């Protein structure tokens, strides 16, 4: 359970990271089709948070930038993603 809680926490940090830059959050909103209200309503949903990590993991430069900003190893977002819904079928 603790590992899943850590994965959820890291995904929330990733969402904060996205929201700190207008271009990043704009691309996230455009790609996912969610709006600010939906983000607020889904911030505790592990499925939504898995999507946040999927978005970051799709861009190596963003993974590196997020890892640096969060003071984590670049492999951590992929590890966290594997612990969230659907992660057992992904390969990063």
PDB file of N, CA and C in Angstrom:
ATOM      1  N   UNK A   1       0.832  -1.207   0.000  1.00  0.00           N
ATOM      2  CA  UNK A   1       0.000   0.000   0.000  1.00  0.00           C
ATOM      3  C   UNK A   1       0.864   1.253   0.000  1.00  0.00           C
ATOM      4  N   UNK A   2       1.899   1.251   0.788  1.00  0.00           N
ATOM      5  CA  UNK A   2       2.764   2.419   0.892  1.00  0.00           C
ATOM      6  C   UNK A   2       3.347   2.791  -0.471  1.00  0.00           C
ATOM      7  N   UNK A   3       3.740   1.776  -1.250  1.00  0.00           N
ATOM      8  CA  UNK A   3       4.324   2.060  -2.561  1.00  0.00           C
ATOM      9  C   UNK A   3       3.295   2.726  -3.470  1.00  0.00           C
ATOM     10  N   UNK A   4       2.054   2.263  -3.407  1.00  0.00           N
ATOM     11  CA  UNK A   4       1.011   2.879  -4.220  1.00  0.00           C
ATOM     12  C   UNK A   4       0.752   4.310  -3.767  1.00  0.00           C
ATOM     13  N   UNK A   5       0.737   4.529  -2.472  1.00  0.00           N
ATOM     14  CA  UNK A   5       0.562   5.893  -1.956  1.00  0.00           C
ATOM     15  C   UNK A   5       1.691   6.794  -2.436  1.00  0.00           C
ATOM     16  N   UNK A   6       2.909   6.275  -2.460  1.00  0.00           N
ATOM     17  CA  UNK A   6       4.044   7.056  -2.956  1.00  0.00           C
ATOM     18  C   UNK A   6       3.889   7.364  -4.440  1.00  0.00           C
ATOM     19  N   UNK A   7       3.374   6.398  -5.194  1.00  0.00           N
ATOM     20  CA  UNK A   7       3.158   6.609  -6.623  1.00  0.00           C
ATOM     21  C   UNK A   7       2.106   7.690  -6.851  1.00  0.00           C
ATOM     22  N   UNK A   8       1.033   7.660  -6.085  1.00  0.00           N
ATOM     23  CA  UNK A   8      -0.006   8.684  -6.179  1.00  0.00           C
ATOM     24  C   UNK A   8       0.571  10.052  -5.832  1.00  0.00           C
ATOM     25  N   UNK A   9       1.371  10.105  -4.796  1.00  0.00           N
ATOM     26  CA  UNK A   9       1.992  11.367  -4.386  1.00  0.00           C
ATOM     27  C   UNK A   9       2.913  11.910  -5.480  1.00  0.00           C
ATOM     28  N   UNK A  10       3.693  11.045  -6.089  1.00  0.00           N
ATOM     29  CA  UNK A  10       4.585  11.481  -7.163  1.00  0.00           C
ATOM     30  C   UNK A  10       3.775  11.975  -8.354  1.00  0.00           C
ATOM     31  N   UNK A  11       2.680  11.299  -8.668  1.00  0.00           N
ATOM     32  CA  UNK A  11       1.834  11.734  -9.779  1.00  0.00           C
ATOM     33  C   UNK A  11       1.201  13.093  -9.486  1.00  0.00           C
ATOM     34  N   UNK A  12       0.822  13.323  -8.246  1.00  0.00           N
ATOM     35  CA  UNK A  12       0.303  14.657  -7.877  1.00  0.00           C
ATOM     36  C   UNK A  12       1.396  15.705  -8.043  1.00  0.00           C
ATOM     37  N   UNK A  13       2.616  15.366  -7.653  1.00  0.00           N
ATOM     38  CA  UNK A  13       3.747  16.287  -7.856  1.00  0.00           C
ATOM     39  C   UNK A  13       3.934  16.574  -9.344  1.00  0.00           C
ATOM     40  N   UNK A  14       3.738  15.546 -10.165  1.00  0.00           N
ATOM     41  CA  UNK A  14       3.849  15.721 -11.617  1.00  0.00           C
ATOM     42  C   UNK A  14       2.776  16.671 -12.131  1.00  0.00           C
ATOM     43  N   UNK A  15       1.575  16.574 -11.588  1.00  0.00           N
ATOM     44  CA  UNK A  15       0.503  17.486 -11.982  1.00  0.00           C
ATOM     45  C   UNK A  15       0.838  18.921 -11.578  1.00  0.00           C
ATOM     46  N   UNK A  16       1.389  19.086 -10.407  1.00  0.00           N
ATOM     47  CA  UNK A  16       1.826  20.418  -9.964  1.00  0.00           C
ATOM     48  C   UNK A  16       2.899  20.944 -10.912  1.00  0.00           C
ATOM     49  N   UNK A  17       3.848  20.071 -11.252  1.00  0.00           N
ATOM     50  CA  UNK A  17       4.909  20.446 -12.191  1.00  0.00           C
ATOM     51  C   UNK A  17       4.302  20.943 -13.505  1.00  0.00           C
ATOM     52  N   UNK A  18       3.335  20.208 -14.035  1.00  0.00           N
ATOM     53  CA  UNK A  18       2.686  20.630 -15.278  1.00  0.00           C
ATOM     54  C   UNK A  18       2.022  21.987 -15.115  1.00  0.00           C
ATOM     55  N   UNK A  19       1.357  22.180 -13.993  1.00  0.00           N
ATOM     56  CA  UNK A  19       0.586  23.410 -13.793  1.00  0.00           C
ATOM     57  C   UNK A  19       1.464  24.639 -13.579  1.00  0.00           C
ATOM     58  N   UNK A  20       2.733  24.448 -13.330  1.00  0.00           N
ATOM     59  CA  UNK A  20       3.635  25.578 -13.084  1.00  0.00           C
ATOM     60  C   UNK A  20       4.136  26.242 -14.362  1.00  0.00           C
ATOM     61  N   UNK A  21       3.757  25.690 -15.504  1.00  0.00           N
ATOM     62  CA  UNK A  21       4.187  26.261 -16.780  1.00  0.00           C
ATOM     63  C   UNK A  21       2.991  26.276 -17.729  1.00  0.00           C
ATOM     64  N   UNK A  22       2.670  27.448 -18.242  1.00  0.00           N
ATOM     65  CA  UNK A  22       1.478  27.603 -19.089  1.00  0.00           C
ATOM     66  C   UNK A  22       1.533  26.722 -20.335  1.00  0.00           C
ATOM     67  N   UNK A  23       2.698  26.590 -20.958  1.00  0.00           N
ATOM     68  CA  UNK A  23       2.809  25.756 -22.150  1.00  0.00           C
ATOM     69  C   UNK A  23       2.597  24.279 -21.825  1.00  0.00           C
ATOM     70  N   UNK A  24       3.212  23.828 -20.733  1.00  0.00           N
ATOM     71  CA  UNK A  24       3.069  22.413 -20.356  1.00  0.00           C
ATOM     72  C   UNK A  24       1.626  22.071 -20.035  1.00  0.00           C
ATOM     73  N   UNK A  25       0.989  22.881 -19.183  1.00  0.00           N
ATOM     74  CA  UNK A  25      -0.390  22.568 -18.791  1.00  0.00           C
ATOM     75  C   UNK A  25      -1.328  22.743 -19.985  1.00  0.00           C
ATOM     76  N   UNK A  26      -1.016  23.697 -20.843  1.00  0.00           N
ATOM     77  CA  UNK A  26      -1.821  23.883 -22.053  1.00  0.00           C
ATOM     78  C   UNK A  26      -1.773  22.666 -22.958  1.00  0.00           C
ATOM     79  N   UNK A  27      -0.582  22.105 -23.146  1.00  0.00           N
ATOM     80  CA  UNK A  27      -0.453  20.891 -23.961  1.00  0.00           C
ATOM     81  C   UNK A  27      -1.175  19.724 -23.295  1.00  0.00           C
ATOM     82  N   UNK A  28      -1.045  19.614 -21.976  1.00  0.00           N
ATOM     83  CA  UNK A  28      -1.728  18.542 -21.254  1.00  0.00           C
ATOM     84  C   UNK A  28      -3.236  18.644 -21.442  1.00  0.00           C
ATOM     85  N   UNK A  29      -3.779  19.830 -21.282  1.00  0.00           N
ATOM     86  CA  UNK A  29      -5.218  20.037 -21.448  1.00  0.00           C
ATOM     87  C   UNK A  29      -5.653  19.723 -22.877  1.00  0.00           C
ATOM     88  N   UNK A  30      -4.851  20.145 -23.850  1.00  0.00           N
ATOM     89  CA  UNK A  30      -5.193  19.907 -25.252  1.00  0.00           C
ATOM     90  C   UNK A  30      -5.150  18.419 -25.592  1.00  0.00           C
ATOM     91  N   UNK A  31      -4.136  17.733 -25.119  1.00  0.00           N
ATOM     92  CA  UNK A  31      -3.977  16.309 -25.433  1.00  0.00           C
ATOM     93  C   UNK A  31      -5.039  15.462 -24.733  1.00  0.00           C
ATOM     94  N   UNK A  32      -5.312  15.772 -23.494  1.00  0.00           N
ATOM     95  CA  UNK A  32      -6.237  14.943 -22.712  1.00  0.00           C
ATOM     96  C   UNK A  32      -7.692  15.345 -22.876  1.00  0.00           C
ATOM     97  N   UNK A  33      -7.931  16.589 -23.231  1.00  0.00           N
ATOM     98  CA  UNK A  33      -9.304  17.064 -23.363  1.00  0.00           C
ATOM     99  C   UNK A  33      -9.974  17.398 -22.040  1.00  0.00           C
ATOM    100  N   UNK A  34      -9.226  17.335 -20.937  1.00  0.00           N
ATOM    101  CA  UNK A  34      -9.804  17.709 -19.644  1.00  0.00           C
ATOM    102  C   UNK A  34      -9.640  19.207 -19.441  1.00  0.00           C
ATOM    103  N   UNK A  35     -10.473  19.752 -18.592  1.00  0.00           N
ATOM    104  CA  UNK A  35     -10.395  21.156 -18.257  1.00  0.00           C
ATOM    105  C   UNK A  35      -9.991  21.335 -16.808  1.00  0.00           C
ATOM    106  N   UNK A  36      -9.770  22.568 -16.406  1.00  0.00           N
ATOM    107  CA  UNK A  36      -9.350  22.841 -15.032  1.00  0.00           C
ATOM    108  C   UNK A  36     -10.301  22.285 -13.968  1.00  0.00           C
ATOM    109  N   UNK A  37     -11.594  22.336 -14.227  1.00  0.00           N
ATOM    110  CA  UNK A  37     -12.556  21.824 -13.247  1.00  0.00           C
ATOM    111  C   UNK A  37     -12.392  20.313 -13.101  1.00  0.00           C
ATOM    112  N   UNK A  38     -12.243  19.619 -14.232  1.00  0.00           N
ATOM    113  CA  UNK A  38     -12.057  18.171 -14.168  1.00  0.00           C
ATOM    114  C   UNK A  38     -10.779  17.806 -13.421  1.00  0.00           C
ATOM    115  N   UNK A  39      -9.737  18.589 -13.623  1.00  0.00           N
ATOM    116  CA  UNK A  39      -8.481  18.323 -12.908  1.00  0.00           C
ATOM    117  C   UNK A  39      -8.717  18.393 -11.410  1.00  0.00           C
ATOM    118  N   UNK A  40      -9.375  19.438 -10.967  1.00  0.00           N
ATOM    119  CA  UNK A  40      -9.653  19.565  -9.529  1.00  0.00           C
ATOM    120  C   UNK A  40     -10.495  18.403  -9.014  1.00  0.00           C
ATOM    121  N   UNK A  41     -11.443  17.957  -9.825  1.00  0.00           N
ATOM    122  CA  UNK A  41     -12.324  16.867  -9.406  1.00  0.00           C
ATOM    123  C   UNK A  41     -11.653  15.495  -9.449  1.00  0.00           C
ATOM    124  N   UNK A  42     -10.567  15.370 -10.217  1.00  0.00           N
ATOM    125  CA  UNK A  42      -9.938  14.068 -10.393  1.00  0.00           C
ATOM    126  C   UNK A  42      -8.557  13.956  -9.746  1.00  0.00           C
ATOM    127  N   UNK A  43      -8.161  14.943  -8.989  1.00  0.00           N
ATOM    128  CA  UNK A  43      -6.811  14.961  -8.434  1.00  0.00           C
ATOM    129  C   UNK A  43      -6.526  13.779  -7.508  1.00  0.00           C
ATOM    130  N   UNK A  44      -7.551  13.115  -7.012  1.00  0.00           N
ATOM    131  CA  UNK A  44      -7.354  11.946  -6.158  1.00  0.00           C
ATOM    132  C   UNK A  44      -7.614  10.626  -6.894  1.00  0.00           C
ATOM    133  N   UNK A  45      -7.915  10.690  -8.169  1.00  0.00           N
ATOM    134  CA  UNK A  45      -8.239   9.497  -8.945  1.00  0.00           C
ATOM    135  C   UNK A  45      -6.960   8.871  -9.504  1.00  0.00           C
ATOM    136  N   UNK A  46      -6.601   7.668  -9.060  1.00  0.00           N
ATOM    137  CA  UNK A  46      -5.371   7.030  -9.550  1.00  0.00           C
ATOM    138  C   UNK A  46      -5.340   6.832 -11.063  1.00  0.00           C
ATOM    139  N   UNK A  47      -6.497   6.633 -11.684  1.00  0.00           N
ATOM    140  CA  UNK A  47      -6.536   6.477 -13.137  1.00  0.00           C
ATOM    141  C   UNK A  47      -6.149   7.797 -13.805  1.00  0.00           C
ATOM    142  N   UNK A  48      -6.697   8.890 -13.341  1.00  0.00           N
ATOM    143  CA  UNK A  48      -6.337  10.203 -13.882  1.00  0.00           C
ATOM    144  C   UNK A  48      -4.859  10.486 -13.648  1.00  0.00           C
ATOM    145  N   UNK A  49      -4.378  10.210 -12.451  1.00  0.00           N
ATOM    146  CA  UNK A  49      -2.983  10.461 -12.132  1.00  0.00           C
ATOM    147  C   UNK A  49      -2.048   9.594 -12.973  1.00  0.00           C
ATOM    148  N   UNK A  50      -2.488   8.394 -13.311  1.00  0.00           N
ATOM    149  CA  UNK A  50      -1.706   7.551 -14.220  1.00  0.00           C
ATOM    150  C   UNK A  50      -1.572   8.246 -15.574  1.00  0.00           C
ATOM    151  N   UNK A  51      -2.634   8.887 -16.006  1.00  0.00           N
ATOM    152  CA  UNK A  51      -2.599   9.637 -17.254  1.00  0.00           C
ATOM    153  C   UNK A  51      -1.648  10.818 -17.207  1.00  0.00           C
ATOM    154  N   UNK A  52      -1.549  11.446 -16.053  1.00  0.00           N
ATOM    155  CA  UNK A  52      -0.590  12.545 -15.879  1.00  0.00           C
ATOM    156  C   UNK A  52       0.821  12.014 -16.100  1.00  0.00           C
ATOM    157  N   UNK A  53       1.128  10.886 -15.466  1.00  0.00           N
ATOM    158  CA  UNK A  53       2.458  10.304 -15.643  1.00  0.00           C
ATOM    159  C   UNK A  53       2.674   9.840 -17.080  1.00  0.00           C
ATOM    160  N   UNK A  54       1.649   9.282 -17.711  1.00  0.00           N
ATOM    161  CA  UNK A  54       1.774   8.886 -19.116  1.00  0.00           C
ATOM    162  C   UNK A  54       2.153  10.082 -19.974  1.00  0.00           C
ATOM    163  N   UNK A  55       1.520  11.210 -19.727  1.00  0.00           N
ATOM    164  CA  UNK A  55       1.808  12.422 -20.493  1.00  0.00           C
ATOM    165  C   UNK A  55       3.268  12.828 -20.326  1.00  0.00           C
ATOM    166  N   UNK A  56       3.757  12.845 -19.112  1.00  0.00           N
ATOM    167  CA  UNK A  56       5.150  13.227 -18.865  1.00  0.00           C
ATOM    168  C   UNK A  56       6.102  12.199 -19.465  1.00  0.00           C
ATOM    169  N   UNK A  57       5.781  10.923 -19.301  1.00  0.00           N
ATOM    170  CA  UNK A  57       6.667   9.871 -19.795  1.00  0.00           C
ATOM    171  C   UNK A  57       6.766   9.827 -21.313  1.00  0.00           C
ATOM    172  N   UNK A  58       5.853  10.447 -22.007  1.00  0.00           N
ATOM    173  CA  UNK A  58       5.887  10.482 -23.468  1.00  0.00           C
ATOM    174  C   UNK A  58       6.947  11.430 -24.009  1.00  0.00           C
ATOM    175  N   UNK A  59       7.575  12.213 -23.139  1.00  0.00           N
ATOM    176  CA  UNK A  59       8.554  13.222 -23.564  1.00  0.00           C
ATOM    177  C   UNK A  59       9.796  13.108 -22.677  1.00  0.00           C
ATOM    178  N   UNK A  60      10.871  12.556 -23.238  1.00  0.00           N
ATOM    179  CA  UNK A  60      12.088  12.336 -22.449  1.00  0.00           C
ATOM    180  C   UNK A  60      12.621  13.614 -21.812  1.00  0.00           C
ATOM    181  N   UNK A  61      12.565  14.717 -22.542  1.00  0.00           N
ATOM    182  CA  UNK A  61      13.051  15.981 -21.988  1.00  0.00           C
ATOM    183  C   UNK A  61      12.200  16.404 -20.792  1.00  0.00           C
ATOM    184  N   UNK A  62      10.890  16.175 -20.880  1.00  0.00           N
ATOM    185  CA  UNK A  62      10.018  16.531 -19.771  1.00  0.00           C
ATOM    186  C   UNK A  62      10.284  15.625 -18.567  1.00  0.00           C
ATOM    187  N   UNK A  63      10.537  14.349 -18.823  1.00  0.00           N
ATOM    188  CA  UNK A  63      10.873  13.431 -17.725  1.00  0.00           C
ATOM    189  C   UNK A  63      12.102  13.943 -16.992  1.00  0.00           C
ATOM    190  N   UNK A  64      13.120  14.306 -17.733  1.00  0.00           N
ATOM    191  CA  UNK A  64      14.363  14.784 -17.121  1.00  0.00           C
ATOM    192  C   UNK A  64      14.133  16.084 -16.350  1.00  0.00           C
ATOM    193  N   UNK A  65      13.368  16.991 -16.938  1.00  0.00           N
ATOM    194  CA  UNK A  65      13.094  18.266 -16.272  1.00  0.00           C
ATOM    195  C   UNK A  65      12.269  18.063 -15.006  1.00  0.00           C
ATOM    196  N   UNK A  66      11.252  17.215 -15.083  1.00  0.00           N
ATOM    197  CA  UNK A  66      10.443  16.925 -13.901  1.00  0.00           C
ATOM    198  C   UNK A  66      11.290  16.283 -12.813  1.00  0.00           C
ATOM    199  N   UNK A  67      12.112  15.316 -13.192  1.00  0.00           N
ATOM    200  CA  UNK A  67      12.960  14.639 -12.210  1.00  0.00           C
ATOM    201  C   UNK A  67      13.890  15.640 -11.516  1.00  0.00           C
ATOM    202  N   UNK A  68      14.461  16.529 -12.291  1.00  0.00           N
ATOM    203  CA  UNK A  68      15.345  17.542 -11.698  1.00  0.00           C
ATOM    204  C   UNK A  68      14.563  18.464 -10.763  1.00  0.00           C
ATOM    205  N   UNK A  69      13.401  18.893 -11.195  1.00  0.00           N
ATOM    206  CA  UNK A  69      12.620  19.823 -10.369  1.00  0.00           C
ATOM    207  C   UNK A  69      12.112  19.164  -9.092  1.00  0.00           C
ATOM    208  N   UNK A  70      11.865  17.841  -9.141  1.00  0.00           N
ATOM    209  CA  UNK A  70      11.355  17.117  -7.979  1.00  0.00           C
ATOM    210  C   UNK A  70      12.476  16.470  -7.157  1.00  0.00           C
ATOM    211  N   UNK A  71      13.704  16.651  -7.618  1.00  0.00           N
ATOM    212  CA  UNK A  71      14.875  16.052  -6.951  1.00  0.00           C
ATOM    213  C   UNK A  71      14.730  14.535  -6.795  1.00  0.00           C
ATOM    214  N   UNK A  72      14.375  13.901  -7.911  1.00  0.00           N
ATOM    215  CA  UNK A  72      14.225  12.445  -7.940  1.00  0.00           C
ATOM    216  C   UNK A  72      15.050  11.899  -9.099  1.00  0.00           C
ATOM    217  N   UNK A  73      15.240  10.596  -9.104  1.00  0.00           N
ATOM    218  CA  UNK A  73      15.908   9.937 -10.217  1.00  0.00           C
ATOM    219  C   UNK A  73      14.963   9.935 -11.427  1.00  0.00           C
ATOM    220  N   UNK A  74      15.498  10.070 -12.634  1.00  0.00           N
ATOM    221  CA  UNK A  74      14.639  10.081 -13.827  1.00  0.00           C
ATOM    222  C   UNK A  74      13.805   8.815 -14.008  1.00  0.00           C
ATOM    223  N   UNK A  75      14.198   7.715 -13.381  1.00  0.00           N
ATOM    224  CA  UNK A  75      13.446   6.463 -13.502  1.00  0.00           C
ATOM    225  C   UNK A  75      12.215   6.420 -12.598  1.00  0.00           C
ATOM    226  N   UNK A  76      12.146   7.303 -11.632  1.00  0.00           N
ATOM    227  CA  UNK A  76      11.044   7.273 -10.659  1.00  0.00           C
ATOM    228  C   UNK A  76       9.653   7.445 -11.269  1.00  0.00           C
ATOM    229  N   UNK A  77       9.451   8.361 -12.230  1.00  0.00           N
ATOM    230  CA  UNK A  77       8.101   8.466 -12.808  1.00  0.00           C
ATOM    231  C   UNK A  77       7.626   7.157 -13.447  1.00  0.00           C
ATOM    232  N   UNK A  78       8.508   6.450 -14.143  1.00  0.00           N
ATOM    233  CA  UNK A  78       8.120   5.175 -14.753  1.00  0.00           C
ATOM    234  C   UNK A  78       7.835   4.124 -13.685  1.00  0.00           C
ATOM    235  N   UNK A  79       8.630   4.112 -12.628  1.00  0.00           N
ATOM    236  CA  UNK A  79       8.368   3.169 -11.531  1.00  0.00           C
ATOM    237  C   UNK A  79       7.009   3.454 -10.896  1.00  0.00           C
ATOM    238  N   UNK A  80       6.738   4.729 -10.672  1.00  0.00           N
ATOM    239  CA  UNK A  80       5.452   5.107 -10.074  1.00  0.00           C
ATOM    240  C   UNK A  80       4.309   4.727 -11.005  1.00  0.00           C
ATOM    241  N   UNK A  81       4.498   4.928 -12.290  1.00  0.00           N
ATOM    242  CA  UNK A  81       3.433   4.626 -13.253  1.00  0.00           C
ATOM    243  C   UNK A  81       3.068   3.152 -13.224  1.00  0.00           C
ATOM    244  N   UNK A  82       4.057   2.289 -13.050  1.00  0.00           N
ATOM    245  CA  UNK A  82       3.791   0.854 -13.012  1.00  0.00           C
ATOM    246  C   UNK A  82       2.908   0.453 -11.836  1.00  0.00           C
ATOM    247  N   UNK A  83       2.878   1.262 -10.789  1.00  0.00           N
ATOM    248  CA  UNK A  83       2.096   0.955  -9.597  1.00  0.00           C
ATOM    249  C   UNK A  83       0.656   1.462  -9.674  1.00  0.00           C
ATOM    250  N   UNK A  84       0.366   2.279 -10.678  1.00  0.00           N
ATOM    251  CA  UNK A  84      -0.977   2.841 -10.829  1.00  0.00           C
ATOM    252  C   UNK A  84      -1.778   2.003 -11.824  1.00  0.00           C
ATOM    253  N   UNK A  85      -3.098   2.189 -11.861  1.00  0.00           N
ATOM    254  CA  UNK A  85      -3.940   1.376 -12.757  1.00  0.00           C
ATOM    255  C   UNK A  85      -3.428   1.360 -14.185  1.00  0.00           C
ATOM    256  N   UNK A  86      -3.366   0.169 -14.758  1.00  0.00           N
ATOM    257  CA  UNK A  86      -2.898  -0.012 -16.127  1.00  0.00           C
ATOM    258  C   UNK A  86      -1.389  -0.097 -16.259  1.00  0.00           C
ATOM    259  N   UNK A  87      -0.678   0.121 -15.188  1.00  0.00           N
ATOM    260  CA  UNK A  87       0.779   0.140 -15.250  1.00  0.00           C
ATOM    261  C   UNK A  87       1.410  -1.206 -15.461  1.00  0.00           C
ATOM    262  N   UNK A  88       0.683  -2.252 -15.146  1.00  0.00           N
ATOM    263  CA  UNK A  88       1.244  -3.593 -15.301  1.00  0.00           C
ATOM    264  C   UNK A  88       1.348  -4.015 -16.760  1.00  0.00           C
ATOM    265  N   UNK A  89       0.723  -3.269 -17.670  1.00  0.00           N
ATOM    266  CA  UNK A  89       0.797  -3.611 -19.084  1.00  0.00           C
ATOM    267  C   UNK A  89       1.673  -2.651 -19.870  1.00  0.00           C
ATOM    268  N   UNK A  90       2.257  -1.674 -19.200  1.00  0.00           N
ATOM    269  CA  UNK A  90       3.087  -0.671 -19.867  1.00  0.00           C
ATOM    270  C   UNK A  90       4.542  -1.063 -19.819  1.00  0.00           C
ATOM    271  N   UNK A  91       5.293  -0.565 -20.785  1.00  0.00           N
ATOM    272  CA  UNK A  91       6.729  -0.799 -20.827  1.00  0.00           C
ATOM    273  C   UNK A  91       7.427   0.538 -21.016  1.00  0.00           C
ATOM    274  N   UNK A  92       8.140   1.013 -19.992  1.00  0.00           N
ATOM    275  CA  UNK A  92       8.894   2.279 -20.110  1.00  0.00           C
ATOM    276  C   UNK A  92      10.357   1.992 -19.940  1.00  0.00           C
TER     277      UNK A  92
END
